[in-house]
Amino acid sequence: MPPLPDHLWSTASPELQAAILALLQTYQEQVAALEARLGDLEARLKLNSTNSHKPPSSDHIGAKRKPPAPPTGKKRGGQPKHRKAHRALVPPEKVRDTFICKPSNCRRCGHELLGEDPTPLIHQLAEIPRVEPIVDEYRLHRLACPDCGETTCATLPPGVPSGSFGPYL
């Protein structure tokens, strides 16, 4: 559809029609870019500490804060019948060492305790082993020539770096 009424458009030269269409295209692109920028700026104006990562101190003076949720009457923590979260135990054949811990005296009266618990509580502690570097030592001997007296030092074998650390360190 031409940007002008038909009777005016038909009287315009082809060059004028091309120039008008080019200007129209340019203006439409500029309007689209400005509308996108305006939308972005309007979205930024709506951000505050409750719906973004901004701190509360950056909120404007009249910003309404959401009131705290009313107490539910429940105790903190896991509720009755909730699904318990626990880590599966490592099978006994993969455990490095087992320590038997038995109480020696009653915690209330102090009487000596003897016997076995058929189902003791199991506490497993996982740890990454300490990393110990593997150190290779090359002793480079310096020997003197018995004929001329010149001292010659040995060289490192091929493939051994000249620095103090290997390629993996």
C-alpha atoms as a PDB file:
ATOM      1  CA  MET A   1       0.000   0.000   0.000  1.00  0.00           C
ATOM      2  CA  PRO A   2       1.532   3.360  -0.996  1.00  0.00           C
ATOM      3  CA  PRO A   3       2.162   5.905   1.800  1.00  0.00           C
ATOM      4  CA  LEU A   4       0.227   8.583  -0.110  1.00  0.00           C
ATOM      5  CA  PRO A   5      -3.309   8.696  -1.559  1.00  0.00           C
ATOM      6  CA  ASP A   6      -3.543   6.901  -4.919  1.00  0.00           C
ATOM      7  CA  HIS A   7      -4.108  10.048  -7.001  1.00  0.00           C
ATOM      8  CA  LEU A   8      -0.923  11.675  -5.572  1.00  0.00           C
ATOM      9  CA  TRP A   9       1.137   8.475  -5.690  1.00  0.00           C
ATOM     10  CA  SER A  10       0.355   7.883  -9.346  1.00  0.00           C
ATOM     11  CA  THR A  11       1.466  11.406 -10.317  1.00  0.00           C
ATOM     12  CA  ALA A  12       4.847  11.080  -8.531  1.00  0.00           C
ATOM     13  CA  SER A  13       7.886  10.096 -10.592  1.00  0.00           C
ATOM     14  CA  PRO A  14       9.432   6.642 -10.005  1.00  0.00           C
ATOM     15  CA  GLU A  15      12.510   8.284  -8.440  1.00  0.00           C
ATOM     16  CA  LEU A  16      10.317  10.220  -5.978  1.00  0.00           C
ATOM     17  CA  GLN A  17       8.350   7.068  -5.147  1.00  0.00           C
ATOM     18  CA  ALA A  18      11.629   5.190  -4.442  1.00  0.00           C
ATOM     19  CA  ALA A  19      12.895   8.025  -2.223  1.00  0.00           C
ATOM     20  CA  ILE A  20       9.618   8.129  -0.269  1.00  0.00           C
ATOM     21  CA  LEU A  21       9.671   4.343   0.258  1.00  0.00           C
ATOM     22  CA  ALA A  22      13.322   4.476   1.397  1.00  0.00           C
ATOM     23  CA  LEU A  23      12.518   7.222   3.934  1.00  0.00           C
ATOM     24  CA  LEU A  24       9.485   5.287   5.134  1.00  0.00           C
ATOM     25  CA  GLN A  25      11.622   2.166   5.643  1.00  0.00           C
ATOM     26  CA  THR A  26      14.237   4.168   7.585  1.00  0.00           C
ATOM     27  CA  TYR A  27      11.594   5.734   9.849  1.00  0.00           C
ATOM     28  CA  GLN A  28       9.950   2.375  10.530  1.00  0.00           C
ATOM     29  CA  GLU A  29      13.309   0.893  11.572  1.00  0.00           C
ATOM     30  CA  GLN A  30      14.031   3.859  13.861  1.00  0.00           C
ATOM     31  CA  VAL A  31      10.570   3.629  15.451  1.00  0.00           C
ATOM     32  CA  ALA A  32      11.034  -0.113  16.087  1.00  0.00           C
ATOM     33  CA  ALA A  33      14.446   0.491  17.705  1.00  0.00           C
ATOM     34  CA  LEU A  34      13.074   3.278  19.905  1.00  0.00           C
ATOM     35  CA  GLU A  35      10.087   1.152  20.962  1.00  0.00           C
ATOM     36  CA  ALA A  36      12.430  -1.659  21.980  1.00  0.00           C
ATOM     37  CA  ARG A  37      14.601   0.768  23.968  1.00  0.00           C
ATOM     38  CA  LEU A  38      11.522   2.281  25.628  1.00  0.00           C
ATOM     39  CA  GLY A  39      10.290  -1.198  26.616  1.00  0.00           C
ATOM     40  CA  ASP A  40      13.690  -2.001  28.147  1.00  0.00           C
ATOM     41  CA  LEU A  41      13.772   1.255  30.126  1.00  0.00           C
ATOM     42  CA  GLU A  42      10.213   0.755  31.385  1.00  0.00           C
ATOM     43  CA  ALA A  43      11.112  -2.764  32.528  1.00  0.00           C
ATOM     44  CA  ARG A  44      14.150  -1.394  34.388  1.00  0.00           C
ATOM     45  CA  LEU A  45      11.989   1.162  36.176  1.00  0.00           C
ATOM     46  CA  LYS A  46       9.892  -1.652  37.630  1.00  0.00           C
ATOM     47  CA  LEU A  47      12.909  -3.418  39.215  1.00  0.00           C
ATOM     48  CA  ASN A  48      13.426  -3.175  42.969  1.00  0.00           C
ATOM     49  CA  SER A  49      14.937  -5.276  45.728  1.00  0.00           C
ATOM     50  CA  THR A  50      11.977  -7.672  45.837  1.00  0.00           C
ATOM     51  CA  ASN A  51      12.128  -8.741  42.170  1.00  0.00           C
ATOM     52  CA  SER A  52      15.827  -8.425  41.289  1.00  0.00           C
ATOM     53  CA  HIS A  53      19.303  -8.731  42.769  1.00  0.00           C
ATOM     54  CA  LYS A  54      19.317  -5.061  43.822  1.00  0.00           C
ATOM     55  CA  PRO A  55      19.851  -4.273  47.532  1.00  0.00           C
ATOM     56  CA  PRO A  56      16.972  -2.724  49.527  1.00  0.00           C
ATOM     57  CA  SER A  57      18.958   0.496  49.911  1.00  0.00           C
ATOM     58  CA  SER A  58      18.608   1.115  46.152  1.00  0.00           C
ATOM     59  CA  ASP A  59      14.779   1.168  46.310  1.00  0.00           C
ATOM     60  CA  HIS A  60      13.147   4.558  45.835  1.00  0.00           C
ATOM     61  CA  ILE A  61      11.664   6.273  48.877  1.00  0.00           C
ATOM     62  CA  GLY A  62       8.015   5.310  48.345  1.00  0.00           C
ATOM     63  CA  ALA A  63       8.646   1.686  47.456  1.00  0.00           C
ATOM     64  CA  LYS A  64       6.185  -0.681  49.099  1.00  0.00           C
ATOM     65  CA  ARG A  65       7.773  -3.710  50.681  1.00  0.00           C
ATOM     66  CA  LYS A  66       5.965  -7.014  50.761  1.00  0.00           C
ATOM     67  CA  PRO A  67       4.813  -7.710  54.319  1.00  0.00           C
ATOM     68  CA  PRO A  68       6.352 -10.752  56.000  1.00  0.00           C
ATOM     69  CA  ALA A  69       4.413 -13.972  55.685  1.00  0.00           C
ATOM     70  CA  PRO A  70       2.214 -14.679  58.701  1.00  0.00           C
ATOM     71  CA  PRO A  71       3.422 -17.502  60.960  1.00  0.00           C
ATOM     72  CA  THR A  72       2.004 -20.907  60.048  1.00  0.00           C
ATOM     73  CA  GLY A  73       2.069 -22.286  63.584  1.00  0.00           C
ATOM     74  CA  LYS A  74       4.411 -25.116  62.583  1.00  0.00           C
ATOM     75  CA  LYS A  75       7.779 -25.725  64.201  1.00  0.00           C
ATOM     76  CA  ARG A  76      10.903 -25.081  62.153  1.00  0.00           C
ATOM     77  CA  GLY A  77      12.569 -27.964  60.341  1.00  0.00           C
ATOM     78  CA  GLY A  78      11.242 -31.240  58.983  1.00  0.00           C
ATOM     79  CA  GLN A  79       7.547 -31.815  59.546  1.00  0.00           C
ATOM     80  CA  PRO A  80       5.938 -35.131  60.541  1.00  0.00           C
ATOM     81  CA  LYS A  81       5.648 -37.589  57.622  1.00  0.00           C
ATOM     82  CA  HIS A  82       8.131 -35.635  55.495  1.00  0.00           C
ATOM     83  CA  ARG A  83      10.463 -37.652  53.292  1.00  0.00           C
ATOM     84  CA  LYS A  84      13.796 -37.885  55.074  1.00  0.00           C
ATOM     85  CA  ALA A  85      16.914 -36.914  53.173  1.00  0.00           C
ATOM     86  CA  HIS A  86      19.860 -39.202  53.823  1.00  0.00           C
ATOM     87  CA  ARG A  87      22.968 -40.385  52.082  1.00  0.00           C
ATOM     88  CA  ALA A  88      23.224 -44.067  51.251  1.00  0.00           C
ATOM     89  CA  LEU A  89      25.826 -45.907  53.315  1.00  0.00           C
ATOM     90  CA  VAL A  90      29.011 -47.118  51.680  1.00  0.00           C
ATOM     91  CA  PRO A  91      29.037 -50.941  51.600  1.00  0.00           C
ATOM     92  CA  PRO A  92      31.173 -52.567  54.340  1.00  0.00           C
ATOM     93  CA  GLU A  93      33.690 -53.994  51.842  1.00  0.00           C
ATOM     94  CA  LYS A  94      34.569 -50.452  50.698  1.00  0.00           C
ATOM     95  CA  VAL A  95      35.040 -49.053  54.219  1.00  0.00           C
ATOM     96  CA  ARG A  96      38.720 -48.538  55.080  1.00  0.00           C
ATOM     97  CA  ASP A  97      38.439 -49.072  58.831  1.00  0.00           C
ATOM     98  CA  THR A  98      35.662 -49.667  61.374  1.00  0.00           C
ATOM     99  CA  PHE A  99      35.796 -48.330  64.920  1.00  0.00           C
ATOM    100  CA  ILE A 100      33.544 -49.767  67.629  1.00  0.00           C
ATOM    101  CA  CYS A 101      32.372 -47.057  70.029  1.00  0.00           C
ATOM    102  CA  LYS A 102      30.584 -48.236  73.183  1.00  0.00           C
ATOM    103  CA  PRO A 103      29.616 -46.182  76.196  1.00  0.00           C
ATOM    104  CA  SER A 104      31.363 -47.339  79.332  1.00  0.00           C
ATOM    105  CA  ASN A 105      28.942 -45.850  81.896  1.00  0.00           C
ATOM    106  CA  CYS A 106      25.271 -44.835  82.050  1.00  0.00           C
ATOM    107  CA  ARG A 107      24.920 -41.135  81.333  1.00  0.00           C
ATOM    108  CA  ARG A 108      22.283 -40.719  84.079  1.00  0.00           C
ATOM    109  CA  CYS A 109      23.454 -42.828  87.047  1.00  0.00           C
ATOM    110  CA  GLY A 110      27.032 -43.752  86.042  1.00  0.00           C
ATOM    111  CA  HIS A 111      26.524 -47.538  86.285  1.00  0.00           C
ATOM    112  CA  GLU A 112      28.948 -49.630  84.194  1.00  0.00           C
ATOM    113  CA  LEU A 113      27.496 -50.772  80.838  1.00  0.00           C
ATOM    114  CA  LEU A 114      28.245 -54.114  79.161  1.00  0.00           C
ATOM    115  CA  GLY A 115      26.918 -55.932  76.093  1.00  0.00           C
ATOM    116  CA  GLU A 116      26.263 -55.447  72.402  1.00  0.00           C
ATOM    117  CA  ASP A 117      23.751 -53.348  70.486  1.00  0.00           C
ATOM    118  CA  PRO A 118      22.334 -55.500  67.627  1.00  0.00           C
ATOM    119  CA  THR A 119      21.528 -52.400  65.543  1.00  0.00           C
ATOM    120  CA  PRO A 120      24.075 -49.679  66.333  1.00  0.00           C
ATOM    121  CA  LEU A 121      23.864 -46.238  64.735  1.00  0.00           C
ATOM    122  CA  ILE A 122      26.304 -45.997  61.842  1.00  0.00           C
ATOM    123  CA  HIS A 123      28.232 -42.799  61.212  1.00  0.00           C
ATOM    124  CA  GLN A 124      30.433 -42.866  58.112  1.00  0.00           C
ATOM    125  CA  LEU A 125      33.040 -40.174  57.483  1.00  0.00           C
ATOM    126  CA  ALA A 126      34.265 -39.708  53.913  1.00  0.00           C
ATOM    127  CA  GLU A 127      37.522 -37.919  53.243  1.00  0.00           C
ATOM    128  CA  ILE A 128      39.722 -37.353  50.220  1.00  0.00           C
ATOM    129  CA  PRO A 129      43.197 -38.805  50.819  1.00  0.00           C
ATOM    130  CA  ARG A 130      46.062 -36.363  51.281  1.00  0.00           C
ATOM    131  CA  VAL A 131      47.935 -35.706  48.048  1.00  0.00           C
ATOM    132  CA  GLU A 132      51.618 -36.459  48.402  1.00  0.00           C
ATOM    133  CA  PRO A 133      53.849 -35.466  45.481  1.00  0.00           C
ATOM    134  CA  ILE A 134      56.070 -38.048  43.864  1.00  0.00           C
ATOM    135  CA  VAL A 135      59.615 -36.676  43.920  1.00  0.00           C
ATOM    136  CA  ASP A 136      62.323 -38.046  41.652  1.00  0.00           C
ATOM    137  CA  GLU A 137      65.910 -37.040  42.335  1.00  0.00           C
ATOM    138  CA  TYR A 138      68.604 -36.797  39.663  1.00  0.00           C
ATOM    139  CA  ARG A 139      72.157 -36.541  40.995  1.00  0.00           C
ATOM    140  CA  LEU A 140      74.311 -34.855  38.375  1.00  0.00           C
ATOM    141  CA  HIS A 141      77.932 -35.751  39.080  1.00  0.00           C
ATOM    142  CA  ARG A 142      80.794 -33.459  38.151  1.00  0.00           C
ATOM    143  CA  LEU A 143      83.927 -35.382  37.325  1.00  0.00           C
ATOM    144  CA  ALA A 144      87.413 -34.121  36.577  1.00  0.00           C
ATOM    145  CA  CYS A 145      89.361 -35.407  33.587  1.00  0.00           C
ATOM    146  CA  PRO A 146      92.513 -37.240  34.748  1.00  0.00           C
ATOM    147  CA  ASP A 147      94.347 -36.114  31.572  1.00  0.00           C
ATOM    148  CA  CYS A 148      93.603 -32.350  31.301  1.00  0.00           C
ATOM    149  CA  GLY A 149      91.909 -31.611  34.666  1.00  0.00           C
ATOM    150  CA  GLU A 150      88.709 -30.130  33.095  1.00  0.00           C
ATOM    151  CA  THR A 151      85.555 -30.722  35.187  1.00  0.00           C
ATOM    152  CA  THR A 152      82.513 -32.002  33.281  1.00  0.00           C
ATOM    153  CA  CYS A 153      78.986 -32.129  34.707  1.00  0.00           C
ATOM    154  CA  ALA A 154      76.456 -34.789  33.666  1.00  0.00           C
ATOM    155  CA  THR A 155      73.273 -33.716  31.854  1.00  0.00           C
ATOM    156  CA  LEU A 156      69.691 -34.670  32.595  1.00  0.00           C
ATOM    157  CA  PRO A 157      68.332 -37.663  30.671  1.00  0.00           C
ATOM    158  CA  PRO A 158      66.161 -36.864  27.625  1.00  0.00           C
ATOM    159  CA  GLY A 159      62.579 -35.923  28.520  1.00  0.00           C
ATOM    160  CA  VAL A 160      63.388 -34.675  32.040  1.00  0.00           C
ATOM    161  CA  PRO A 161      62.404 -31.002  32.481  1.00  0.00           C
ATOM    162  CA  SER A 162      65.148 -28.672  33.669  1.00  0.00           C
ATOM    163  CA  GLY A 163      62.832 -26.950  36.187  1.00  0.00           C
ATOM    164  CA  SER A 164      61.806 -28.168  39.629  1.00  0.00           C
ATOM    165  CA  PHE A 165      58.266 -29.219  38.676  1.00  0.00           C
ATOM    166  CA  GLY A 166      57.017 -31.852  36.248  1.00  0.00           C
ATOM    167  CA  PRO A 167      54.381 -31.317  33.550  1.00  0.00           C
ATOM    168  CA  TYR A 168      51.446 -32.437  35.762  1.00  0.00           C
ATOM    169  CA  LEU A 169      52.271 -30.077  38.610  1.00  0.00           C
END
